[in-house]
Amino acid sequence: MAENAIEEAPRTREGRSRNPFLRLWTFLKEVLVELRKVVTPTRKELIRYTLVVLVFVVFMMLLVSGLDLLFGSLVGWVFGDIPLFGLA
């Protein structure tokens, strides 16, 4: 039965054009259809989203900077070059 399924599988793509210009035109038409579905945010939503992104970026900068300070101090302390957190 499995052999029949393999033999009956289509070997070519039927219904698809090989013309690259027609394929490009179809793609562009589909892009325009999808762009018509896009909803632009209101001014209030845009400001809220911008603030959320800025707060997140500042938080991540502080987190990465803190971890860098911590790991740098630990490495300096382990290898004896720098006292822990710069405290003598």
N, C-alpha and C. Protein backbone atom coordinates (compact mmCIF):
# COMPACT_ATOMS: atom_id res chain seq x y z
N MET A 1 0.82 -1.19 0.00
CA MET A 1 0.00 0.00 0.00
C MET A 1 0.87 1.25 0.00
N ALA A 2 1.98 1.25 0.75
CA ALA A 2 2.86 2.40 0.80
C ALA A 2 3.50 2.66 -0.55
N GLU A 3 3.76 1.60 -1.29
CA GLU A 3 4.36 1.78 -2.61
C GLU A 3 3.41 2.51 -3.54
N ASN A 4 2.13 2.23 -3.45
CA ASN A 4 1.14 2.91 -4.29
C ASN A 4 1.06 4.39 -3.97
N ALA A 5 1.17 4.72 -2.68
CA ALA A 5 1.09 6.13 -2.29
C ALA A 5 2.27 6.91 -2.85
N ILE A 6 3.43 6.29 -2.87
CA ILE A 6 4.60 6.97 -3.41
C ILE A 6 4.48 7.13 -4.91
N GLU A 7 3.98 6.11 -5.57
CA GLU A 7 3.85 6.18 -7.03
C GLU A 7 2.79 7.18 -7.45
N GLU A 8 1.75 7.37 -6.62
CA GLU A 8 0.66 8.27 -7.00
C GLU A 8 0.94 9.73 -6.65
N ALA A 9 2.01 10.00 -5.93
CA ALA A 9 2.32 11.37 -5.56
C ALA A 9 2.65 12.17 -6.81
N PRO A 10 2.16 13.41 -6.88
CA PRO A 10 2.44 14.23 -8.07
C PRO A 10 3.91 14.60 -8.13
N ARG A 11 4.46 14.54 -9.33
CA ARG A 11 5.88 14.82 -9.52
C ARG A 11 6.13 16.28 -9.93
N THR A 12 5.12 16.95 -10.43
CA THR A 12 5.29 18.34 -10.85
C THR A 12 4.29 19.21 -10.11
N ARG A 13 4.59 20.48 -10.06
CA ARG A 13 3.67 21.44 -9.44
C ARG A 13 2.68 21.89 -10.50
N GLU A 14 1.47 21.42 -10.37
CA GLU A 14 0.46 21.80 -11.34
C GLU A 14 -0.20 23.10 -10.89
N GLY A 15 -0.54 23.96 -11.82
CA GLY A 15 -1.23 25.20 -11.52
C GLY A 15 -0.31 26.34 -11.13
N ARG A 16 0.99 26.11 -11.05
CA ARG A 16 1.93 27.17 -10.69
C ARG A 16 2.64 27.63 -11.95
N SER A 17 2.69 28.93 -12.11
CA SER A 17 3.33 29.50 -13.29
C SER A 17 4.84 29.52 -13.11
N ARG A 18 5.55 29.30 -14.18
CA ARG A 18 7.01 29.36 -14.14
C ARG A 18 7.51 30.74 -14.56
N ASN A 19 6.59 31.61 -14.96
CA ASN A 19 6.96 32.96 -15.38
C ASN A 19 7.34 33.78 -14.14
N PRO A 20 8.59 34.23 -14.04
CA PRO A 20 9.01 34.96 -12.84
C PRO A 20 8.31 36.31 -12.69
N PHE A 21 7.97 36.95 -13.79
CA PHE A 21 7.29 38.24 -13.70
C PHE A 21 5.86 38.07 -13.19
N LEU A 22 5.20 37.00 -13.60
CA LEU A 22 3.85 36.74 -13.11
C LEU A 22 3.89 36.39 -11.63
N ARG A 23 4.90 35.63 -11.23
CA ARG A 23 5.04 35.30 -9.80
C ARG A 23 5.32 36.55 -8.98
N LEU A 24 6.15 37.46 -9.50
CA LEU A 24 6.44 38.71 -8.81
C LEU A 24 5.19 39.56 -8.70
N TRP A 25 4.42 39.65 -9.76
CA TRP A 25 3.18 40.43 -9.75
C TRP A 25 2.21 39.85 -8.73
N THR A 26 2.08 38.54 -8.68
CA THR A 26 1.20 37.89 -7.71
C THR A 26 1.67 38.19 -6.29
N PHE A 27 2.98 38.12 -6.06
CA PHE A 27 3.52 38.42 -4.74
C PHE A 27 3.21 39.85 -4.33
N LEU A 28 3.40 40.81 -5.23
CA LEU A 28 3.14 42.21 -4.92
C LEU A 28 1.66 42.45 -4.63
N LYS A 29 0.78 41.78 -5.36
CA LYS A 29 -0.65 41.92 -5.09
C LYS A 29 -0.99 41.39 -3.70
N GLU A 30 -0.39 40.27 -3.32
CA GLU A 30 -0.62 39.72 -1.99
C GLU A 30 -0.07 40.62 -0.90
N VAL A 31 1.06 41.28 -1.15
CA VAL A 31 1.62 42.22 -0.19
C VAL A 31 0.66 43.38 0.02
N LEU A 32 0.10 43.91 -1.05
CA LEU A 32 -0.85 45.01 -0.92
C LEU A 32 -2.10 44.59 -0.16
N VAL A 33 -2.57 43.38 -0.38
CA VAL A 33 -3.74 42.89 0.35
C VAL A 33 -3.43 42.83 1.85
N GLU A 34 -2.23 42.36 2.21
CA GLU A 34 -1.85 42.27 3.62
C GLU A 34 -1.64 43.66 4.22
N LEU A 35 -1.11 44.59 3.44
CA LEU A 35 -0.90 45.94 3.96
C LEU A 35 -2.22 46.65 4.26
N ARG A 36 -3.27 46.30 3.55
CA ARG A 36 -4.58 46.90 3.82
C ARG A 36 -5.13 46.45 5.16
N LYS A 37 -4.64 45.34 5.69
CA LYS A 37 -5.10 44.81 6.98
C LYS A 37 -4.40 45.46 8.17
N VAL A 38 -3.33 46.22 7.92
CA VAL A 38 -2.55 46.81 9.00
C VAL A 38 -3.34 47.93 9.66
N VAL A 39 -3.32 47.91 11.00
CA VAL A 39 -4.00 48.95 11.77
C VAL A 39 -2.92 49.79 12.45
N THR A 40 -2.93 51.09 12.20
CA THR A 40 -1.93 51.96 12.83
C THR A 40 -2.39 52.28 14.25
N PRO A 41 -1.44 52.33 15.20
CA PRO A 41 -1.82 52.63 16.58
C PRO A 41 -2.20 54.10 16.74
N THR A 42 -3.02 54.35 17.75
CA THR A 42 -3.37 55.74 18.05
C THR A 42 -2.17 56.43 18.69
N ARG A 43 -2.25 57.74 18.82
CA ARG A 43 -1.15 58.49 19.42
C ARG A 43 -0.90 58.03 20.86
N LYS A 44 -1.97 57.79 21.60
CA LYS A 44 -1.84 57.35 23.00
C LYS A 44 -1.16 55.97 23.07
N GLU A 45 -1.56 55.05 22.20
CA GLU A 45 -0.93 53.73 22.17
C GLU A 45 0.53 53.82 21.77
N LEU A 46 0.84 54.66 20.80
CA LEU A 46 2.21 54.82 20.33
C LEU A 46 3.11 55.35 21.44
N ILE A 47 2.63 56.32 22.20
CA ILE A 47 3.41 56.87 23.31
C ILE A 47 3.60 55.80 24.38
N ARG A 48 2.55 55.05 24.69
CA ARG A 48 2.64 53.99 25.70
C ARG A 48 3.65 52.91 25.27
N TYR A 49 3.58 52.47 24.04
CA TYR A 49 4.50 51.44 23.55
C TYR A 49 5.94 51.96 23.57
N THR A 50 6.13 53.23 23.20
CA THR A 50 7.47 53.80 23.20
C THR A 50 8.04 53.85 24.61
N LEU A 51 7.22 54.25 25.58
CA LEU A 51 7.68 54.31 26.97
C LEU A 51 8.00 52.92 27.50
N VAL A 52 7.19 51.93 27.15
CA VAL A 52 7.45 50.56 27.59
C VAL A 52 8.80 50.09 27.05
N VAL A 53 9.07 50.36 25.79
CA VAL A 53 10.34 49.95 25.19
C VAL A 53 11.51 50.67 25.84
N LEU A 54 11.38 51.97 26.08
CA LEU A 54 12.47 52.72 26.70
C LEU A 54 12.74 52.24 28.12
N VAL A 55 11.70 51.98 28.90
CA VAL A 55 11.88 51.47 30.26
C VAL A 55 12.55 50.11 30.23
N PHE A 56 12.14 49.26 29.31
CA PHE A 56 12.76 47.94 29.19
C PHE A 56 14.23 48.05 28.82
N VAL A 57 14.56 48.94 27.90
CA VAL A 57 15.95 49.10 27.46
C VAL A 57 16.80 49.61 28.62
N VAL A 58 16.30 50.59 29.37
CA VAL A 58 17.05 51.11 30.52
C VAL A 58 17.24 50.01 31.56
N PHE A 59 16.19 49.24 31.83
CA PHE A 59 16.30 48.14 32.78
C PHE A 59 17.36 47.13 32.34
N MET A 60 17.36 46.76 31.08
CA MET A 60 18.33 45.79 30.58
C MET A 60 19.75 46.36 30.63
N MET A 61 19.91 47.66 30.35
CA MET A 61 21.23 48.28 30.45
C MET A 61 21.74 48.22 31.88
N LEU A 62 20.89 48.52 32.84
CA LEU A 62 21.29 48.47 34.24
C LEU A 62 21.62 47.04 34.66
N LEU A 63 20.83 46.08 34.20
CA LEU A 63 21.08 44.68 34.54
C LEU A 63 22.42 44.20 33.98
N VAL A 64 22.66 44.48 32.72
CA VAL A 64 23.92 44.04 32.09
C VAL A 64 25.10 44.77 32.71
N SER A 65 24.96 46.06 32.99
CA SER A 65 26.06 46.81 33.61
C SER A 65 26.35 46.27 35.01
N GLY A 66 25.31 45.98 35.78
CA GLY A 66 25.50 45.41 37.12
C GLY A 66 26.18 44.06 37.08
N LEU A 67 25.74 43.21 36.17
CA LEU A 67 26.37 41.89 36.04
C LEU A 67 27.82 42.02 35.59
N ASP A 68 28.10 42.97 34.70
CA ASP A 68 29.47 43.19 34.24
C ASP A 68 30.35 43.64 35.41
N LEU A 69 29.84 44.55 36.22
CA LEU A 69 30.59 45.01 37.39
C LEU A 69 30.83 43.86 38.36
N LEU A 70 29.78 43.07 38.60
CA LEU A 70 29.89 41.94 39.53
C LEU A 70 30.91 40.91 39.05
N PHE A 71 30.78 40.46 37.82
CA PHE A 71 31.68 39.43 37.30
C PHE A 71 33.10 39.97 37.13
N GLY A 72 33.24 41.22 36.72
CA GLY A 72 34.57 41.81 36.60
C GLY A 72 35.26 41.90 37.95
N SER A 73 34.50 42.29 38.97
CA SER A 73 35.08 42.37 40.32
C SER A 73 35.43 40.99 40.84
N LEU A 74 34.57 40.01 40.59
CA LEU A 74 34.86 38.65 41.05
C LEU A 74 36.11 38.08 40.37
N VAL A 75 36.25 38.32 39.09
CA VAL A 75 37.43 37.83 38.37
C VAL A 75 38.68 38.53 38.88
N GLY A 76 38.60 39.84 39.10
CA GLY A 76 39.74 40.56 39.65
C GLY A 76 40.10 40.08 41.04
N TRP A 77 39.10 39.77 41.85
CA TRP A 77 39.35 39.28 43.21
C TRP A 77 39.96 37.88 43.19
N VAL A 78 39.44 37.00 42.30
CA VAL A 78 39.94 35.63 42.22
C VAL A 78 41.41 35.63 41.78
N PHE A 79 41.76 36.46 40.81
CA PHE A 79 43.12 36.46 40.30
C PHE A 79 44.02 37.44 41.05
N GLY A 80 43.48 38.15 42.02
CA GLY A 80 44.28 38.98 42.90
C GLY A 80 44.73 40.30 42.32
N ASP A 81 44.20 40.72 41.20
CA ASP A 81 44.63 41.98 40.59
C ASP A 81 43.91 43.18 41.21
N ILE A 82 42.62 43.03 41.42
CA ILE A 82 41.78 44.14 41.85
C ILE A 82 41.03 43.70 43.11
N PRO A 83 40.93 44.55 44.13
CA PRO A 83 40.12 44.19 45.29
C PRO A 83 38.64 44.12 44.91
N LEU A 84 37.87 43.34 45.66
CA LEU A 84 36.45 43.13 45.37
C LEU A 84 35.71 44.47 45.37
N PHE A 85 35.05 44.81 44.29
CA PHE A 85 34.28 46.03 44.08
C PHE A 85 35.09 47.30 44.30
N GLY A 86 36.40 47.20 44.13
CA GLY A 86 37.25 48.37 44.25
C GLY A 86 37.50 48.81 45.68
N LEU A 87 37.05 48.03 46.65
CA LEU A 87 37.25 48.37 48.06
C LEU A 87 38.60 47.86 48.52
N ALA A 88 39.38 48.72 49.12
CA ALA A 88 40.72 48.32 49.54
C ALA A 88 40.72 47.81 50.92
